Amino acid sequence: MSLYRFSERKYLEDFLKGKLSFAIASSYTDVKLTVAQRDDERARTFNPDLKKHVFVINSSPIKALKEVKIKHTARDIDGDKLNYYLMSFTFVYDTRLFAEFRADACVEIINEVEFGARLDRTLKAIDWKGLLGAVKYFDPQRLGAISSNEDILFSKSDQYAWQQEFRAVAFPVSKEDLKDRRKNIDVGELTDIARFV
C-alpha cells in the first residue's frame, strides 16, 4: 500500500533525499496552520452527548449538566504533558489535500514497509524511539476507550477521517532534545522507494 505526503515541492525534494522534517507535537496548535492541520496532538477531548450518557457522582446521577468535556492528555514519565516529534502521511491521493495543507506537490512512497524499516534503523542509531501507524478516528460525542499515550497519539476526531492519516512519531531519550520546533532526521536517499506524483 502506498503512502502520500503533501507539502511544498522544495521540502519534498529534501524528503526524497532522505531528509525527513519532523514537527514537535506542541506546534500543531499554532493558529497559522490550516484547519486541516491544527489540532492538539498531545490530548484528545470528548464532549459526550448527554442524552446518551448519564454521569454519576457518589451514586447519584447528575441531571443539571449542560455540557461535559473529558480531556485525555498524554503524559511523560515525570507527569508532564508529553511532547514528541510527528510526521504525517495519508493512505489516499486526494486533491483536496493540496489546498488543505498549502501544498504544491505530493510524493508517493511506494514501499511503506521499507520506508518504515529505514526510519526505524535511523532512530535506533541515534537512540530515539519511534512508532508508525494508521490513525483511528473517533466520534467525540461518544465516550471512547483511551487507555494509553499511544491511543492519544494515534487517534483523532472523526471530523478528520477523510484525511486517512498515517503517522510517524519519534521520541528522543532526553527532554533536552525537545527544544526545537523541527528536527531533521536523515534516513538516506529515498528515490528507490518514493517519487513525485
Protein backbone atom coordinates (compact mmCIF):
# COMPACT_ATOMS: atom_id res chain seq x y z
CA MET A 1 0.00 0.00 0.00
CA SER A 2 1.27 3.48 -0.84
CA LEU A 3 1.63 6.44 1.45
CA TYR A 4 1.42 10.04 0.27
CA ARG A 5 2.97 13.21 1.66
CA PHE A 6 1.60 16.60 0.59
CA SER A 7 3.79 19.66 1.07
CA GLU A 8 5.73 22.35 -0.75
CA ARG A 9 7.91 20.95 -3.52
CA LYS A 10 11.15 22.32 -2.01
CA TYR A 11 10.51 20.31 1.18
CA LEU A 12 9.55 17.19 -0.74
CA GLU A 13 12.77 17.41 -2.77
CA ASP A 14 14.62 17.20 0.56
CA PHE A 15 12.31 14.35 1.61
CA LEU A 16 13.32 12.32 -1.47
CA LYS A 17 16.96 12.91 -0.49
CA GLY A 18 16.08 11.26 2.83
CA LYS A 19 15.93 14.42 4.92
CA LEU A 20 12.78 13.98 6.98
CA SER A 21 11.48 17.03 8.82
CA PHE A 22 9.51 16.20 11.97
CA ALA A 23 7.47 18.90 13.75
CA ILE A 24 7.16 18.98 17.50
CA ALA A 25 3.66 17.96 18.58
CA SER A 26 3.08 21.11 20.64
CA SER A 27 3.42 23.24 17.47
CA TYR A 28 0.19 21.87 15.94
CA THR A 29 -1.97 24.28 17.96
CA ASP A 30 -0.44 27.23 16.06
CA VAL A 31 -3.22 29.45 14.63
CA LYS A 32 -1.12 29.97 11.49
CA LEU A 33 -1.82 26.38 10.47
CA THR A 34 -4.81 25.48 8.33
CA VAL A 35 -7.92 23.99 9.94
CA ALA A 36 -6.94 20.60 8.49
CA GLN A 37 -3.51 20.80 10.15
CA ARG A 38 -4.36 22.40 13.50
CA ASP A 39 -5.12 20.10 16.43
CA ASP A 40 -3.94 19.45 19.97
CA GLU A 41 -1.69 16.50 19.22
CA ARG A 42 -1.00 15.87 22.92
CA ALA A 43 -4.58 15.43 24.08
CA ARG A 44 -7.96 14.15 22.91
CA THR A 45 -11.24 15.68 24.05
CA PHE A 46 -14.64 14.03 24.25
CA ASN A 47 -17.85 16.02 24.55
CA PRO A 48 -20.38 13.24 25.23
CA ASP A 49 -24.00 13.59 24.16
CA LEU A 50 -25.85 14.00 27.47
CA LYS A 51 -28.97 12.37 26.02
CA LYS A 52 -26.99 9.14 25.67
CA HIS A 53 -24.78 9.27 28.78
CA VAL A 54 -25.53 9.58 32.48
CA PHE A 55 -22.88 10.96 34.82
CA VAL A 56 -22.91 9.78 38.41
CA ILE A 57 -21.16 11.21 41.46
CA ASN A 58 -21.37 9.36 44.80
CA SER A 59 -24.04 7.04 43.36
CA SER A 60 -26.27 9.95 42.35
CA PRO A 61 -26.98 10.86 38.71
CA ILE A 62 -26.20 14.46 37.83
CA LYS A 63 -29.18 15.79 35.86
CA ALA A 64 -28.48 19.52 35.54
CA LEU A 65 -25.45 19.18 33.32
CA LYS A 66 -25.45 21.24 30.13
CA GLU A 67 -22.10 20.10 28.80
CA VAL A 68 -19.31 17.74 29.78
CA LYS A 69 -15.81 17.77 28.33
CA ILE A 70 -13.45 14.92 29.08
CA LYS A 71 -9.85 15.52 28.10
CA HIS A 72 -7.26 12.76 27.91
CA THR A 73 -3.73 14.17 27.97
CA ALA A 74 -0.60 12.22 27.08
CA ARG A 75 1.91 12.37 29.93
CA ASP A 76 5.59 11.53 30.15
CA ILE A 77 7.23 9.55 32.96
CA ASP A 78 7.52 12.75 35.07
CA GLY A 79 3.82 13.53 34.69
CA ASP A 80 4.48 16.43 32.31
CA LYS A 81 2.47 16.86 29.12
CA LEU A 82 4.15 14.55 26.60
CA ASN A 83 5.95 16.16 23.71
CA TYR A 84 7.30 14.29 20.72
CA TYR A 85 8.05 14.74 17.03
CA LEU A 86 5.47 13.97 14.37
CA MET A 87 5.34 13.50 10.61
CA SER A 88 2.06 12.80 8.84
CA PHE A 89 1.16 10.97 5.66
CA THR A 90 -2.05 9.74 4.09
CA PHE A 91 -3.18 6.49 2.53
CA VAL A 92 -5.07 8.34 -0.23
CA TYR A 93 -4.18 10.65 -3.06
CA ASP A 94 -6.92 13.23 -2.58
CA THR A 95 -6.57 16.53 -4.46
CA ARG A 96 -8.34 18.38 -1.59
CA LEU A 97 -5.15 17.86 0.43
CA PHE A 98 -3.23 20.33 -1.76
CA ALA A 99 -5.37 23.23 -0.53
CA GLU A 100 -5.87 21.84 2.98
CA PHE A 101 -2.11 21.59 3.58
CA ARG A 102 -0.99 24.54 1.43
CA ALA A 103 0.85 22.04 -0.74
CA ASP A 104 2.02 22.40 -4.32
CA ALA A 105 3.40 18.87 -4.66
CA CYS A 106 2.94 15.31 -3.48
CA VAL A 107 5.29 12.38 -3.00
CA GLU A 108 4.14 8.78 -3.14
CA ILE A 109 6.00 6.26 -1.00
CA ILE A 110 5.57 3.06 -2.97
CA ASN A 111 7.18 0.79 -0.39
CA GLU A 112 5.98 1.85 3.05
CA VAL A 113 7.45 -1.25 4.71
CA GLU A 114 10.97 -0.36 3.57
CA PHE A 115 10.39 3.29 4.45
CA GLY A 116 9.39 2.27 7.99
CA ALA A 117 12.43 -0.02 8.29
CA ARG A 118 14.82 2.76 7.25
CA LEU A 119 13.25 5.22 9.67
CA ASP A 120 13.36 2.67 12.48
CA ARG A 121 17.06 1.91 11.87
CA THR A 122 17.90 5.61 11.81
CA LEU A 123 16.03 6.36 15.03
CA LYS A 124 17.66 3.44 16.82
CA ALA A 125 21.08 4.64 15.65
CA ILE A 126 20.53 7.99 17.41
CA ASP A 127 18.98 6.26 20.45
CA TRP A 128 15.44 7.52 19.77
CA LYS A 129 12.24 5.50 19.84
CA GLY A 130 9.71 5.59 17.04
CA LEU A 131 6.20 4.39 16.26
CA LEU A 132 4.44 4.11 12.92
CA GLY A 133 0.78 3.51 12.38
CA ALA A 134 -2.60 4.42 11.00
CA VAL A 135 -4.73 6.94 12.85
CA LYS A 136 -8.01 5.69 14.30
CA TYR A 137 -10.92 8.13 14.24
CA PHE A 138 -13.49 8.60 17.00
CA ASP A 139 -16.82 10.34 17.47
CA PRO A 140 -16.15 12.99 20.16
CA GLN A 141 -19.77 12.75 21.34
CA ARG A 142 -19.27 9.12 22.36
CA LEU A 143 -17.04 8.14 25.21
CA GLY A 144 -14.02 6.38 23.76
CA ALA A 145 -11.56 3.93 25.17
CA ILE A 146 -8.35 5.89 25.71
CA SER A 147 -6.04 3.88 27.92
CA SER A 148 -2.53 4.84 26.85
CA ASN A 149 -0.41 7.59 25.36
CA GLU A 150 -0.33 5.60 22.14
CA ASP A 151 -4.14 5.76 21.97
CA ILE A 152 -3.90 9.56 22.15
CA LEU A 153 -1.08 9.85 19.61
CA PHE A 154 -2.81 7.61 17.06
CA SER A 155 -6.40 8.85 17.33
CA LYS A 156 -8.23 11.91 16.06
CA SER A 157 -11.75 13.27 15.92
CA ASP A 158 -13.79 11.83 13.07
CA GLN A 159 -14.01 15.31 11.52
CA TYR A 160 -10.54 14.47 10.13
CA ALA A 161 -11.40 10.93 8.97
CA TRP A 162 -11.37 11.92 5.29
CA GLN A 163 -7.59 12.51 5.64
CA GLN A 164 -6.94 8.76 6.25
CA GLU A 165 -3.77 9.65 8.13
CA PHE A 166 -0.71 7.52 8.78
CA ARG A 167 1.81 8.80 11.32
CA ALA A 168 5.45 8.52 12.18
CA VAL A 169 6.20 9.66 15.73
CA ALA A 170 9.65 9.97 17.25
CA PHE A 171 10.69 10.25 20.88
CA PRO A 172 14.14 11.47 21.91
CA VAL A 173 15.60 9.95 25.06
CA SER A 174 16.21 13.33 26.65
CA LYS A 175 13.79 16.23 27.10
CA GLU A 176 16.72 18.44 26.09
CA ASP A 177 16.18 17.18 22.53
CA LEU A 178 12.60 18.54 22.55
CA LYS A 179 13.56 22.21 22.38
CA ASP A 180 13.47 22.58 18.60
CA ARG A 181 10.25 23.23 16.71
CA ARG A 182 11.54 20.90 13.98
CA LYS A 183 14.01 18.03 13.89
CA ASN A 184 15.56 16.83 10.67
CA ILE A 185 16.40 13.15 10.52
CA ASP A 186 18.40 11.77 7.61
CA VAL A 187 17.35 8.25 6.58
CA GLY A 188 19.31 8.25 3.30
CA GLU A 189 18.15 8.56 -0.29
CA LEU A 190 14.52 7.52 -0.84
CA THR A 191 14.22 7.77 -4.63
CA ASP A 192 14.23 3.96 -4.93
CA ILE A 193 11.01 3.74 -2.88
CA ALA A 194 9.37 7.17 -3.36
CA ARG A 195 8.57 9.54 -6.24
CA PHE A 196 6.72 12.70 -7.13
CA VAL A 197 3.14 12.09 -8.20
